[in-house]
Amino acid sequence: MGKSEMADVFASGRRRGSLYAYRVRGLGRSGVVLWVGGRGDEPDQVASLPEADRCRVPVFTTVRQARVYASRRGRRLAASGADTLELTRVQHWLEDPERRRVPPGAVLEAWNFFEDLARGLGEGRRLPQQDAVHDSAYEKLFGDEYAAWTPTERRAVLELMRLGVELWNSCPVSVKPCSSIASYSGRGVSEDS
């Protein structure tokens, strides 16, 4: 499936999963994104809008803005509220992982978010290729047994979290996408033509 096909959850005639608003609170970037639950064997993804050579994530200030945006494109949110990823907790842990306690719930949510974000953007290569070490670390995290991570598993999780935060903070976004004017590329707001 091509990047445009994967990313355009608003295309008519496309088989689509449920659409949710998802709030991300980070140190460098915060906002509400649209998350698409995969149907059948389709994977989940963060919604993005295809452009000529890349995809852009629509980012909103409020859930209401996300709801209006989806409605104007013929979609409804599956829930009235939004779950929240407290990415700041992960980022604080990454600042000093030897001295700070792992925030297991936030790390698990961030892991899933980063995979879905990379998938929505067609940027899977920006995250580490996941292997048996990642699978084992994820299972321990999911089972609240992260204290039993091996040094290799811990390094793998730290690398994935660092690269995921970098992906979130640097991915092209559309701010106030209803107006289709302003965009944020991680370096400031600019005008698109």
C-alpha atoms as a PDB file:
ATOM      1  CA  MET A   1       0.000   0.000   0.000  1.00  0.00           C
ATOM      2  CA  GLY A   2       1.406   3.394  -0.958  1.00  0.00           C
ATOM      3  CA  LYS A   3       2.037   6.238   1.467  1.00  0.00           C
ATOM      4  CA  SER A   4      -0.915   8.268   0.137  1.00  0.00           C
ATOM      5  CA  GLU A   5      -3.345   5.378   0.363  1.00  0.00           C
ATOM      6  CA  MET A   6      -2.254   4.510   3.881  1.00  0.00           C
ATOM      7  CA  ALA A   7      -2.367   8.053   5.146  1.00  0.00           C
ATOM      8  CA  ASP A   8      -5.615   9.370   3.668  1.00  0.00           C
ATOM      9  CA  VAL A   9      -8.256   8.124   6.085  1.00  0.00           C
ATOM     10  CA  PHE A  10     -10.705  10.653   4.651  1.00  0.00           C
ATOM     11  CA  ALA A  11     -10.599   9.362   1.058  1.00  0.00           C
ATOM     12  CA  SER A  12     -14.016   8.326  -0.187  1.00  0.00           C
ATOM     13  CA  GLY A  13     -14.544   4.630  -0.684  1.00  0.00           C
ATOM     14  CA  ARG A  14     -11.611   3.654   1.536  1.00  0.00           C
ATOM     15  CA  ARG A  15     -12.263   0.971   4.109  1.00  0.00           C
ATOM     16  CA  ARG A  16     -11.731   2.806   7.387  1.00  0.00           C
ATOM     17  CA  GLY A  17     -11.535   1.986  11.073  1.00  0.00           C
ATOM     18  CA  SER A  18     -12.957   3.959  13.958  1.00  0.00           C
ATOM     19  CA  LEU A  19     -11.606   7.459  14.422  1.00  0.00           C
ATOM     20  CA  TYR A  20     -10.591   8.801  17.848  1.00  0.00           C
ATOM     21  CA  ALA A  21      -9.158  12.037  19.192  1.00  0.00           C
ATOM     22  CA  TYR A  22      -5.916  11.417  21.095  1.00  0.00           C
ATOM     23  CA  ARG A  23      -4.204  14.097  23.183  1.00  0.00           C
ATOM     24  CA  VAL A  24      -0.404  14.082  23.367  1.00  0.00           C
ATOM     25  CA  ARG A  25       1.263  16.225  26.044  1.00  0.00           C
ATOM     26  CA  GLY A  26       4.967  16.576  25.412  1.00  0.00           C
ATOM     27  CA  LEU A  27       7.737  18.961  26.346  1.00  0.00           C
ATOM     28  CA  GLY A  28       8.452  20.055  22.767  1.00  0.00           C
ATOM     29  CA  ARG A  29       5.055  19.581  21.150  1.00  0.00           C
ATOM     30  CA  SER A  30       1.541  18.982  22.428  1.00  0.00           C
ATOM     31  CA  GLY A  31      -1.793  18.672  20.711  1.00  0.00           C
ATOM     32  CA  VAL A  32      -4.737  16.510  19.766  1.00  0.00           C
ATOM     33  CA  VAL A  33      -4.264  14.114  16.843  1.00  0.00           C
ATOM     34  CA  LEU A  34      -6.679  11.753  15.128  1.00  0.00           C
ATOM     35  CA  TRP A  35      -6.028   8.076  15.705  1.00  0.00           C
ATOM     36  CA  VAL A  36      -7.498   5.430  13.404  1.00  0.00           C
ATOM     37  CA  GLY A  37      -8.191   1.964  14.761  1.00  0.00           C
ATOM     38  CA  GLY A  38      -7.395  -0.683  12.172  1.00  0.00           C
ATOM     39  CA  ARG A  39     -10.189  -2.902  10.891  1.00  0.00           C
ATOM     40  CA  GLY A  40      -9.639  -6.608  10.586  1.00  0.00           C
ATOM     41  CA  ASP A  41      -5.951  -7.207  10.054  1.00  0.00           C
ATOM     42  CA  GLU A  42      -5.202  -3.556   9.230  1.00  0.00           C
ATOM     43  CA  PRO A  43      -2.866  -1.951  11.765  1.00  0.00           C
ATOM     44  CA  ASP A  44      -3.757   1.175  13.747  1.00  0.00           C
ATOM     45  CA  GLN A  45      -2.271   4.498  12.663  1.00  0.00           C
ATOM     46  CA  VAL A  46      -2.237   8.185  13.430  1.00  0.00           C
ATOM     47  CA  ALA A  47      -4.154  10.027  10.717  1.00  0.00           C
ATOM     48  CA  SER A  48      -2.070  12.072   8.320  1.00  0.00           C
ATOM     49  CA  LEU A  49      -2.708  14.023   5.154  1.00  0.00           C
ATOM     50  CA  PRO A  50      -0.804  13.127   2.004  1.00  0.00           C
ATOM     51  CA  GLU A  51       1.149  15.843   0.238  1.00  0.00           C
ATOM     52  CA  ALA A  52       3.398  15.715  -2.798  1.00  0.00           C
ATOM     53  CA  ASP A  53       6.389  14.015  -1.176  1.00  0.00           C
ATOM     54  CA  ARG A  54       5.394  13.490   2.458  1.00  0.00           C
ATOM     55  CA  CYS A  55       2.522  13.258   4.881  1.00  0.00           C
ATOM     56  CA  ARG A  56       1.465  15.838   7.450  1.00  0.00           C
ATOM     57  CA  VAL A  57      -0.305  15.111  10.751  1.00  0.00           C
ATOM     58  CA  PRO A  58      -3.303  17.345  11.484  1.00  0.00           C
ATOM     59  CA  VAL A  59      -2.887  18.652  15.057  1.00  0.00           C
ATOM     60  CA  PHE A  60      -5.621  20.404  17.014  1.00  0.00           C
ATOM     61  CA  THR A  61      -5.751  22.388  20.236  1.00  0.00           C
ATOM     62  CA  THR A  62      -9.016  20.822  21.405  1.00  0.00           C
ATOM     63  CA  VAL A  63     -11.023  17.648  20.907  1.00  0.00           C
ATOM     64  CA  ARG A  64     -13.876  19.804  19.617  1.00  0.00           C
ATOM     65  CA  GLN A  65     -11.670  21.119  16.788  1.00  0.00           C
ATOM     66  CA  ALA A  66     -10.738  17.536  15.892  1.00  0.00           C
ATOM     67  CA  ARG A  67     -14.406  16.518  15.932  1.00  0.00           C
ATOM     68  CA  VAL A  68     -15.429  19.415  13.644  1.00  0.00           C
ATOM     69  CA  TYR A  69     -12.545  18.649  11.277  1.00  0.00           C
ATOM     70  CA  ALA A  70     -13.539  14.980  11.013  1.00  0.00           C
ATOM     71  CA  SER A  71     -17.215  15.856  10.608  1.00  0.00           C
ATOM     72  CA  ARG A  72     -16.473  18.214   7.725  1.00  0.00           C
ATOM     73  CA  ARG A  73     -14.766  15.289   6.011  1.00  0.00           C
ATOM     74  CA  GLY A  74     -17.645  12.877   6.515  1.00  0.00           C
ATOM     75  CA  ARG A  75     -16.271  11.068   9.571  1.00  0.00           C
ATOM     76  CA  ARG A  76     -17.403  10.880  13.188  1.00  0.00           C
ATOM     77  CA  LEU A  77     -15.287  10.347  16.251  1.00  0.00           C
ATOM     78  CA  ALA A  78     -16.054   7.047  17.955  1.00  0.00           C
ATOM     79  CA  ALA A  79     -15.872   8.658  21.424  1.00  0.00           C
ATOM     80  CA  SER A  80     -16.723  12.125  22.720  1.00  0.00           C
ATOM     81  CA  GLY A  81     -13.557  12.539  24.784  1.00  0.00           C
ATOM     82  CA  ALA A  82      -9.895  11.769  24.260  1.00  0.00           C
ATOM     83  CA  ASP A  83      -7.344   9.567  25.958  1.00  0.00           C
ATOM     84  CA  THR A  84      -4.132  11.356  26.864  1.00  0.00           C
ATOM     85  CA  LEU A  85      -0.519  10.307  26.405  1.00  0.00           C
ATOM     86  CA  GLU A  86       1.583  12.020  29.068  1.00  0.00           C
ATOM     87  CA  LEU A  87       4.691  12.062  26.921  1.00  0.00           C
ATOM     88  CA  THR A  88       6.329  14.498  29.351  1.00  0.00           C
ATOM     89  CA  ARG A  89       6.706  11.618  31.828  1.00  0.00           C
ATOM     90  CA  VAL A  90       8.626   9.608  29.232  1.00  0.00           C
ATOM     91  CA  GLN A  91      10.744  12.626  28.286  1.00  0.00           C
ATOM     92  CA  HIS A  92      11.672  13.299  31.925  1.00  0.00           C
ATOM     93  CA  TRP A  93      12.680   9.647  32.317  1.00  0.00           C
ATOM     94  CA  LEU A  94      14.809   9.871  29.158  1.00  0.00           C
ATOM     95  CA  GLU A  95      16.689  12.861  30.616  1.00  0.00           C
ATOM     96  CA  ASP A  96      18.185  10.592  33.314  1.00  0.00           C
ATOM     97  CA  PRO A  97      17.089   6.958  32.897  1.00  0.00           C
ATOM     98  CA  GLU A  98      19.642   5.678  35.419  1.00  0.00           C
ATOM     99  CA  ARG A  99      18.285   7.770  38.280  1.00  0.00           C
ATOM    100  CA  ARG A 100      14.615   8.132  37.395  1.00  0.00           C
ATOM    101  CA  ARG A 101      11.987   5.442  37.732  1.00  0.00           C
ATOM    102  CA  VAL A 102      10.473   4.041  34.533  1.00  0.00           C
ATOM    103  CA  PRO A 103       6.907   5.381  34.027  1.00  0.00           C
ATOM    104  CA  PRO A 104       5.575   2.032  32.716  1.00  0.00           C
ATOM    105  CA  GLY A 105       2.087   3.133  31.630  1.00  0.00           C
ATOM    106  CA  ALA A 106       3.394   6.187  29.783  1.00  0.00           C
ATOM    107  CA  VAL A 107       6.194   4.184  28.134  1.00  0.00           C
ATOM    108  CA  LEU A 108       3.723   1.527  26.956  1.00  0.00           C
ATOM    109  CA  GLU A 109       1.349   4.165  25.562  1.00  0.00           C
ATOM    110  CA  ALA A 110       4.242   6.046  23.928  1.00  0.00           C
ATOM    111  CA  TRP A 111       5.546   2.830  22.335  1.00  0.00           C
ATOM    112  CA  ASN A 112       2.153   2.173  20.740  1.00  0.00           C
ATOM    113  CA  PHE A 113       1.753   5.821  19.721  1.00  0.00           C
ATOM    114  CA  PHE A 114       5.187   5.994  18.069  1.00  0.00           C
ATOM    115  CA  GLU A 115       4.496   2.852  16.024  1.00  0.00           C
ATOM    116  CA  ASP A 116       1.099   4.210  14.930  1.00  0.00           C
ATOM    117  CA  LEU A 117       2.584   7.645  14.163  1.00  0.00           C
ATOM    118  CA  ALA A 118       5.376   6.140  12.049  1.00  0.00           C
ATOM    119  CA  ARG A 119       2.833   3.959  10.221  1.00  0.00           C
ATOM    120  CA  GLY A 120       0.520   6.913   9.501  1.00  0.00           C
ATOM    121  CA  LEU A 121       3.422   8.966   8.169  1.00  0.00           C
ATOM    122  CA  GLY A 122       4.935   6.082   6.201  1.00  0.00           C
ATOM    123  CA  GLU A 123       8.093   6.665   8.290  1.00  0.00           C
ATOM    124  CA  GLY A 124       8.608   3.241   9.867  1.00  0.00           C
ATOM    125  CA  ARG A 125      12.306   3.387   9.042  1.00  0.00           C
ATOM    126  CA  ARG A 126      12.737   6.203  11.596  1.00  0.00           C
ATOM    127  CA  LEU A 127      12.120   3.752  14.435  1.00  0.00           C
ATOM    128  CA  PRO A 128      14.369   0.783  15.204  1.00  0.00           C
ATOM    129  CA  GLN A 129      13.594  -2.468  13.430  1.00  0.00           C
ATOM    130  CA  GLN A 130      11.846  -4.417  16.156  1.00  0.00           C
ATOM    131  CA  ASP A 131      13.082  -7.887  16.947  1.00  0.00           C
ATOM    132  CA  ALA A 132      12.875 -10.514  19.701  1.00  0.00           C
ATOM    133  CA  VAL A 133      14.565  -8.161  22.198  1.00  0.00           C
ATOM    134  CA  HIS A 134      11.841  -5.555  21.639  1.00  0.00           C
ATOM    135  CA  ASP A 135       9.127  -8.213  21.845  1.00  0.00           C
ATOM    136  CA  SER A 136      10.477  -9.452  25.165  1.00  0.00           C
ATOM    137  CA  ALA A 137      10.847  -5.927  26.568  1.00  0.00           C
ATOM    138  CA  TYR A 138       7.300  -5.049  25.445  1.00  0.00           C
ATOM    139  CA  GLU A 139       5.830  -8.165  27.047  1.00  0.00           C
ATOM    140  CA  LYS A 140       7.604  -7.397  30.340  1.00  0.00           C
ATOM    141  CA  LEU A 141       6.397  -3.802  30.175  1.00  0.00           C
ATOM    142  CA  PHE A 142       2.845  -4.914  29.398  1.00  0.00           C
ATOM    143  CA  GLY A 143       2.979  -7.381  32.295  1.00  0.00           C
ATOM    144  CA  ASP A 144       4.329  -4.689  34.656  1.00  0.00           C
ATOM    145  CA  GLU A 145       7.606  -6.631  34.911  1.00  0.00           C
ATOM    146  CA  TYR A 146       9.843  -3.938  33.410  1.00  0.00           C
ATOM    147  CA  ALA A 147      12.150  -4.221  36.456  1.00  0.00           C
ATOM    148  CA  ALA A 148      13.210  -7.559  34.946  1.00  0.00           C
ATOM    149  CA  TRP A 149      14.435  -5.984  31.685  1.00  0.00           C
ATOM    150  CA  THR A 150      17.859  -7.182  30.681  1.00  0.00           C
ATOM    151  CA  PRO A 151      20.433  -4.464  29.910  1.00  0.00           C
ATOM    152  CA  THR A 152      19.894  -5.184  26.195  1.00  0.00           C
ATOM    153  CA  GLU A 153      16.120  -4.829  26.533  1.00  0.00           C
ATOM    154  CA  ARG A 154      16.505  -1.588  28.488  1.00  0.00           C
ATOM    155  CA  ARG A 155      18.819  -0.141  25.803  1.00  0.00           C
ATOM    156  CA  ALA A 156      16.350  -1.180  23.097  1.00  0.00           C
ATOM    157  CA  VAL A 157      13.454   0.556  24.889  1.00  0.00           C
ATOM    158  CA  LEU A 158      15.501   3.702  25.508  1.00  0.00           C
ATOM    159  CA  GLU A 159      16.525   3.861  21.840  1.00  0.00           C
ATOM    160  CA  LEU A 160      12.948   3.370  20.659  1.00  0.00           C
ATOM    161  CA  MET A 161      11.645   6.046  23.067  1.00  0.00           C
ATOM    162  CA  ARG A 162      14.333   8.556  22.044  1.00  0.00           C
ATOM    163  CA  LEU A 163      13.713   8.006  18.343  1.00  0.00           C
ATOM    164  CA  GLY A 164       9.943   8.090  18.863  1.00  0.00           C
ATOM    165  CA  VAL A 165      10.120  11.411  20.705  1.00  0.00           C
ATOM    166  CA  GLU A 166      12.331  12.748  17.913  1.00  0.00           C
ATOM    167  CA  LEU A 167       9.796  11.548  15.310  1.00  0.00           C
ATOM    168  CA  TRP A 168       6.910  13.242  17.144  1.00  0.00           C
ATOM    169  CA  ASN A 169       8.804  16.498  17.650  1.00  0.00           C
ATOM    170  CA  SER A 170      10.021  16.670  14.040  1.00  0.00           C
ATOM    171  CA  CYS A 171       7.208  15.225  11.929  1.00  0.00           C
ATOM    172  CA  PRO A 172       5.427  17.694   9.639  1.00  0.00           C
ATOM    173  CA  VAL A 173       2.097  18.773  11.091  1.00  0.00           C
ATOM    174  CA  SER A 174      -0.775  20.992  10.075  1.00  0.00           C
ATOM    175  CA  VAL A 175      -1.798  23.290  12.902  1.00  0.00           C
ATOM    176  CA  LYS A 176      -5.417  24.411  12.711  1.00  0.00           C
ATOM    177  CA  PRO A 177      -5.906  22.170   9.668  1.00  0.00           C
ATOM    178  CA  CYS A 178      -9.456  23.463   9.180  1.00  0.00           C
ATOM    179  CA  SER A 179      -7.895  26.605   7.737  1.00  0.00           C
ATOM    180  CA  SER A 180      -5.178  24.658   5.851  1.00  0.00           C
ATOM    181  CA  ILE A 181      -2.873  27.648   6.270  1.00  0.00           C
ATOM    182  CA  ALA A 182      -0.520  27.241   9.213  1.00  0.00           C
ATOM    183  CA  SER A 183       1.901  24.375   9.625  1.00  0.00           C
ATOM    184  CA  TYR A 184       4.388  23.517  12.309  1.00  0.00           C
ATOM    185  CA  SER A 185       7.544  21.668  11.388  1.00  0.00           C
ATOM    186  CA  GLY A 186       9.117  21.626  14.844  1.00  0.00           C
ATOM    187  CA  ARG A 187      11.035  24.840  14.171  1.00  0.00           C
ATOM    188  CA  GLY A 188       8.145  27.276  14.330  1.00  0.00           C
ATOM    189  CA  VAL A 189       4.946  28.115  12.546  1.00  0.00           C
ATOM    190  CA  SER A 190       5.129  28.894   8.837  1.00  0.00           C
ATOM    191  CA  GLU A 191       2.645  29.712   6.113  1.00  0.00           C
ATOM    192  CA  ASP A 192       1.844  27.142   3.440  1.00  0.00           C
ATOM    193  CA  SER A 193       0.629  28.110   0.011  1.00  0.00           C
END
